[in-house]
Protein backbone atom coordinates (compact mmCIF):
# COMPACT_ATOMS: atom_id res chain seq x y z
CA UNK A 1 -6.78 0.10 103.49
CA UNK A 2 -9.07 1.11 100.64
CA UNK A 3 -8.41 4.08 98.39
CA UNK A 4 -10.59 7.14 99.06
CA UNK A 5 -13.34 7.71 96.53
CA UNK A 6 -12.74 10.21 93.71
CA UNK A 7 -15.23 11.97 91.43
CA UNK A 8 -14.48 13.46 88.00
CA UNK A 9 -15.98 16.80 87.02
CA UNK A 10 -15.77 18.98 83.91
CA UNK A 11 -14.23 22.36 84.70
CA UNK A 12 -12.61 25.33 83.02
CA UNK A 13 -9.12 26.44 83.95
CA UNK A 14 -8.65 30.21 83.98
CA UNK A 15 -5.16 31.71 83.67
CA UNK A 16 -4.42 35.36 83.04
CA UNK A 17 -3.31 36.04 79.47
CA UNK A 18 -4.07 32.55 78.11
CA UNK A 19 -6.98 30.83 76.44
CA UNK A 20 -9.44 29.23 78.83
CA UNK A 21 -8.81 25.49 78.99
CA UNK A 22 -11.52 22.86 79.30
CA UNK A 23 -10.44 19.89 81.38
CA UNK A 24 -11.67 17.13 83.67
CA UNK A 25 -10.79 17.68 87.32
CA UNK A 26 -10.65 15.01 90.02
CA UNK A 27 -12.43 15.78 93.28
CA UNK A 28 -12.35 14.14 96.69
CA UNK A 29 -15.82 12.72 97.35
CA UNK A 30 -17.70 13.89 100.43
CA UNK A 31 -20.78 11.93 101.53
CA UNK A 32 -22.60 11.43 104.84
CA UNK A 33 -22.03 8.25 106.83
CA UNK A 34 -24.51 7.29 109.50
CA UNK A 35 -22.91 5.31 112.33
CA UNK A 36 -25.18 2.94 114.21
CA UNK A 37 -24.55 0.79 117.27
CA UNK A 38 -26.78 -2.28 117.53
CA UNK A 39 -29.04 -0.63 114.92
CA UNK A 40 -29.34 2.58 116.96
CA UNK A 41 -28.19 5.74 115.19
CA UNK A 42 -25.50 7.60 117.15
CA UNK A 43 -23.90 10.05 114.68
CA UNK A 44 -23.71 11.24 111.10
CA UNK A 45 -20.26 12.21 109.84
CA UNK A 46 -19.37 13.78 106.51
CA UNK A 47 -16.50 11.74 105.14
CA UNK A 48 -14.71 10.51 102.04
CA UNK A 49 -15.94 6.93 101.41
CA UNK A 50 -13.25 4.38 102.10
CA UNK A 51 -12.15 2.58 105.30
CA UNK A 52 -15.62 3.18 106.70
CA UNK A 53 -15.38 0.33 109.21
CA UNK A 54 -12.13 1.76 110.58
CA UNK A 55 -13.79 5.17 110.78
CA UNK A 56 -16.78 3.84 112.72
CA UNK A 57 -14.62 1.86 115.14
CA UNK A 58 -12.15 4.70 115.62
CA UNK A 59 -14.94 7.19 116.18
CA UNK A 60 -16.56 5.01 118.85
CA UNK A 61 -13.21 4.43 120.55
CA UNK A 62 -12.12 8.07 120.57
CA UNK A 63 -15.56 9.16 121.79
CA UNK A 64 -15.18 6.83 124.75
CA UNK A 65 -17.94 4.41 123.72
CA UNK A 66 -15.76 1.37 123.00
CA UNK A 67 -12.81 0.18 125.06
CA UNK A 68 -11.73 -3.09 123.43
CA UNK A 69 -12.03 -4.76 120.00
CA UNK A 70 -13.54 -7.73 121.85
CA UNK A 71 -16.68 -5.62 122.27
CA UNK A 72 -17.22 -5.64 118.49
CA UNK A 73 -18.98 -8.69 117.08
CA UNK A 74 -19.31 -7.42 113.52
CA UNK A 75 -19.39 -4.24 111.42
CA UNK A 76 -21.60 -4.20 108.36
CA UNK A 77 -23.03 -1.82 105.81
CA UNK A 78 -26.77 -1.32 105.63
CA UNK A 79 -26.52 -2.92 102.20
CA UNK A 80 -29.45 -3.79 99.97
CA UNK A 81 -29.66 -4.51 96.26
CA UNK A 82 -32.72 -2.26 96.07
CA UNK A 83 -31.22 0.54 98.18
CA UNK A 84 -27.56 1.24 97.29
CA UNK A 85 -27.66 4.40 99.40
CA UNK A 86 -27.51 2.12 102.45
CA UNK A 87 -23.78 1.85 101.75
CA UNK A 88 -23.72 5.16 103.64
CA UNK A 89 -24.89 3.40 106.81
CA UNK A 90 -22.52 1.37 108.98
CA UNK A 91 -23.87 -0.70 111.84
CA UNK A 92 -21.54 -1.82 114.63
CA UNK A 93 -22.95 -4.93 116.30
CA UNK A 94 -21.66 -5.46 119.83
CA UNK A 95 -20.93 -8.78 121.45
CA UNK A 96 -23.52 -10.15 123.83
CA UNK A 97 -23.41 -8.59 127.27
CA UNK A 98 -21.50 -5.48 126.15
CA UNK A 99 -22.91 -2.38 127.82
CA UNK A 100 -22.13 1.06 126.39
CA UNK A 101 -23.28 4.57 127.22
CA UNK A 102 -24.62 5.92 123.94
CA UNK A 103 -26.21 8.87 125.71
CA UNK A 104 -22.78 10.50 126.09
CA UNK A 105 -22.73 11.31 122.37
CA UNK A 106 -26.06 13.17 122.21
CA UNK A 107 -25.20 14.75 118.87
CA UNK A 108 -27.84 17.02 117.38
CA UNK A 109 -26.14 18.08 114.15
CA UNK A 110 -23.82 16.71 111.50
CA UNK A 111 -20.16 16.38 112.29
CA UNK A 112 -18.89 18.39 109.36
CA UNK A 113 -15.54 18.02 107.65
CA UNK A 114 -14.25 21.13 109.42
CA UNK A 115 -15.87 20.82 112.83
CA UNK A 116 -15.79 18.03 115.35
CA UNK A 117 -17.23 18.85 118.75
CA UNK A 118 -19.76 21.48 117.66
CA UNK A 119 -22.43 18.80 117.55
CA UNK A 120 -22.12 17.83 121.21
CA UNK A 121 -25.19 18.67 123.28
CA UNK A 122 -23.03 20.19 126.03
CA UNK A 123 -19.39 21.14 126.42
CA UNK A 124 -19.26 18.89 129.49
CA UNK A 125 -19.63 15.89 127.18
CA UNK A 126 -16.47 16.79 125.25
CA UNK A 127 -13.88 15.36 127.61
CA UNK A 128 -13.77 11.58 127.42
CA UNK A 129 -12.26 10.98 130.82
CA UNK A 130 -9.03 9.49 129.47
CA UNK A 131 -6.15 9.51 131.94
CA UNK A 132 -3.06 11.65 131.28
CA UNK A 133 -0.27 10.02 129.31
CA UNK A 134 2.30 8.09 131.36
CA UNK A 135 4.37 7.07 128.35
CA UNK A 136 8.11 6.91 129.02
CA UNK A 137 8.96 6.77 125.31
CA UNK A 138 11.68 9.09 124.02
CA UNK A 139 12.14 10.34 120.46
CA UNK A 140 15.21 11.67 118.64
CA UNK A 141 15.04 15.34 117.71
CA UNK A 142 16.40 14.78 114.19
CA UNK A 143 13.84 12.08 113.41
CA UNK A 144 10.92 14.53 113.27
CA UNK A 145 12.30 16.48 110.31
CA UNK A 146 11.52 13.65 107.87
CA UNK A 147 7.98 12.84 109.02
CA UNK A 148 6.16 15.42 106.89
CA UNK A 149 7.80 14.30 103.65
CA UNK A 150 7.16 10.66 104.48
CA UNK A 151 3.46 11.37 105.02
CA UNK A 152 3.13 13.38 101.80
CA UNK A 153 4.86 10.74 99.69
CA UNK A 154 2.58 8.04 101.10
CA UNK A 155 -0.62 9.94 100.27
CA UNK A 156 -2.10 8.30 97.21
CA UNK A 157 -4.95 10.67 96.42
CA UNK A 158 -3.94 14.13 97.65
CA UNK A 159 -1.73 14.87 94.65
CA UNK A 160 -4.65 14.14 92.33
CA UNK A 161 -7.34 16.11 94.17
CA UNK A 162 -5.62 18.53 96.57
CA UNK A 163 -8.68 18.06 98.76
CA UNK A 164 -7.81 15.41 101.35
CA UNK A 165 -6.40 15.57 104.85
CA UNK A 166 -4.08 12.83 106.10
CA UNK A 167 -3.28 11.27 109.46
CA UNK A 168 -0.37 8.89 109.95
CA UNK A 169 0.93 6.78 112.82
CA UNK A 170 4.73 6.46 113.12
CA UNK A 171 6.89 4.40 115.44
CA UNK A 172 9.71 5.88 117.53
CA UNK A 173 12.17 5.40 114.65
CA UNK A 174 10.06 7.45 112.21
CA UNK A 175 8.67 4.47 110.29
CA UNK A 176 5.17 5.04 108.94
CA UNK A 177 2.94 2.21 110.20
CA UNK A 178 -0.46 3.43 109.05
CA UNK A 179 -1.99 6.21 106.94
CA UNK A 180 -5.54 7.26 106.19
CA UNK A 181 -6.96 10.13 104.11
CA UNK A 182 -10.28 11.95 104.33
CA UNK A 183 -11.82 15.35 103.64
CA UNK A 184 -11.81 15.75 107.45
CA UNK A 185 -8.68 15.50 109.56
CA UNK A 186 -10.88 14.28 112.42
CA UNK A 187 -12.11 11.41 110.25
CA UNK A 188 -8.59 10.66 109.00
CA UNK A 189 -7.44 10.38 112.62
CA UNK A 190 -10.39 8.13 113.51
CA UNK A 191 -9.72 5.94 110.47
CA UNK A 192 -6.05 5.34 111.24
CA UNK A 193 -6.69 4.85 114.97
CA UNK A 194 -9.62 2.58 114.15
CA UNK A 195 -7.51 0.18 112.09
CA UNK A 196 -5.04 -0.26 114.97
CA UNK A 197 -7.98 -0.71 117.36
CA UNK A 198 -9.71 -3.38 115.27
CA UNK A 199 -6.41 -5.24 114.84
CA UNK A 200 -5.87 -5.19 118.62
CA UNK A 201 -2.70 -3.09 118.33
CA UNK A 202 -3.51 -0.52 121.01
CA UNK A 203 -2.15 1.14 123.07
CA UNK A 204 0.02 3.29 120.82
CA UNK A 205 2.03 4.54 123.78
CA UNK A 206 5.37 4.53 121.92
CA UNK A 207 4.09 6.16 118.76
CA UNK A 208 3.50 9.48 117.00
CA UNK A 209 0.34 10.77 115.33
CA UNK A 210 0.98 13.25 112.50
CA UNK A 211 -1.86 15.22 110.94
CA UNK A 212 -1.82 17.54 107.95
CA UNK A 213 -2.99 21.09 108.55
CA UNK A 214 -3.71 22.40 112.02
CA UNK A 215 -4.25 20.44 115.23
CA UNK A 216 -7.33 21.02 117.37
CA UNK A 217 -8.42 19.98 120.85
CA UNK A 218 -10.37 17.07 119.41
CA UNK A 219 -7.36 15.65 117.56
CA UNK A 220 -5.46 15.69 120.87
CA UNK A 221 -8.34 13.95 122.60
CA UNK A 222 -8.51 11.25 119.92
CA UNK A 223 -4.77 10.64 120.22
CA UNK A 224 -4.99 10.36 124.00
CA UNK A 225 -7.79 7.79 123.75
CA UNK A 226 -5.38 5.63 121.74
CA UNK A 227 -2.59 6.39 124.29
CA UNK A 228 -0.52 8.26 121.68
CA UNK A 229 1.98 10.43 123.61
CA UNK A 230 3.18 12.64 120.72
CA UNK A 231 1.03 14.58 118.24
CA UNK A 232 2.59 16.51 115.35
CA UNK A 233 0.91 18.88 112.93
CA UNK A 234 2.07 20.47 109.71
CA UNK A 235 0.13 23.58 110.73
CA UNK A 236 -0.65 25.45 113.92
CA UNK A 237 -2.18 24.15 117.14
CA UNK A 238 -5.15 25.84 118.74
CA UNK A 239 -4.87 27.31 122.24
CA UNK A 240 -7.16 24.60 123.60
CA UNK A 241 -5.06 21.88 121.98
CA UNK A 242 -1.97 23.24 123.74
CA UNK A 243 -3.75 23.48 127.07
CA UNK A 244 -5.08 19.94 126.72
CA UNK A 245 -1.59 18.65 125.89
CA UNK A 246 -0.15 20.32 128.97
CA UNK A 247 -2.92 19.01 131.22
CA UNK A 248 -2.58 15.44 129.96
CA UNK A 249 1.24 15.22 129.74
CA UNK A 250 1.27 14.92 125.94
CA UNK A 251 3.95 16.18 123.58
CA UNK A 252 2.59 18.59 120.97
CA UNK A 253 4.58 19.72 117.95
CA UNK A 254 3.33 22.26 115.42
CA UNK A 255 4.54 23.85 112.17
CA UNK A 256 6.50 20.68 111.40
CA UNK A 257 8.76 21.39 108.45
CA UNK A 258 11.83 19.82 106.87
CA UNK A 259 14.18 21.92 108.99
CA UNK A 260 12.12 23.48 111.80
CA UNK A 261 9.30 22.77 114.22
CA UNK A 262 7.81 24.20 117.41
CA UNK A 263 7.36 22.20 120.62
CA UNK A 264 4.39 23.48 122.62
CA UNK A 265 4.25 20.82 125.32
CA UNK A 266 6.17 17.79 126.54
CA UNK A 267 9.63 18.77 125.30
CA UNK A 268 11.16 16.32 127.79
CA UNK A 269 10.29 13.44 125.41
CA UNK A 270 12.51 14.89 122.68
CA UNK A 271 16.15 13.84 122.94
CA UNK A 272 18.71 16.25 121.52
């Protein structure tokens, strides 16, 4: 894991009834990352630099392009001493004989930090074809109360910038196994899933994915591609996220707080 990139910027703090204060604020960096497969451009995502290889691998997995880490021969930056901007290009070289369907992406716009699937050429391309969850894992009801605090305490940069989303993978006992931060919750999810993928630690069929903020359809889809049976969110789920969870036999928890949470789907996995 590498720490997300931070920028420093002069600003003026305004508070009613006090003198205006000059200070230096720390900002989460947002820059484009072009993802290439065998030197062919497939997407541009707006992300916080850091863990870019995990992001590229996780993105290709959750979009249904890659199936196994054995398909990846190497991941490299488009680095050049004369062109430092090529650090914003990541090329995923596939092993010989690997065949992938890059046409399924067909993205015609940037994947912004707030939107995921809006760049797809057609809504039919959204669903990845992943099978419904068959996980038999069970999780203690009380265990979920501590997950939000654990995630917040593990975030290294959020307290300094207030501008990063987080995604964390927990085991069935509530132990945090992996955390990634990004200006986009979609990217944060791809980053943390990508690191498990590249280390050949999928499927995550006995695990929990927790995201800060709300949970969308695309977050549910990404979790399913990694075989995660339980998705939790600090905020609200969208209607499509709930419908997807019901259709794919996933457990979806929203408004996760220290003493309360809502179960929208898959309550049978939660043991009282």
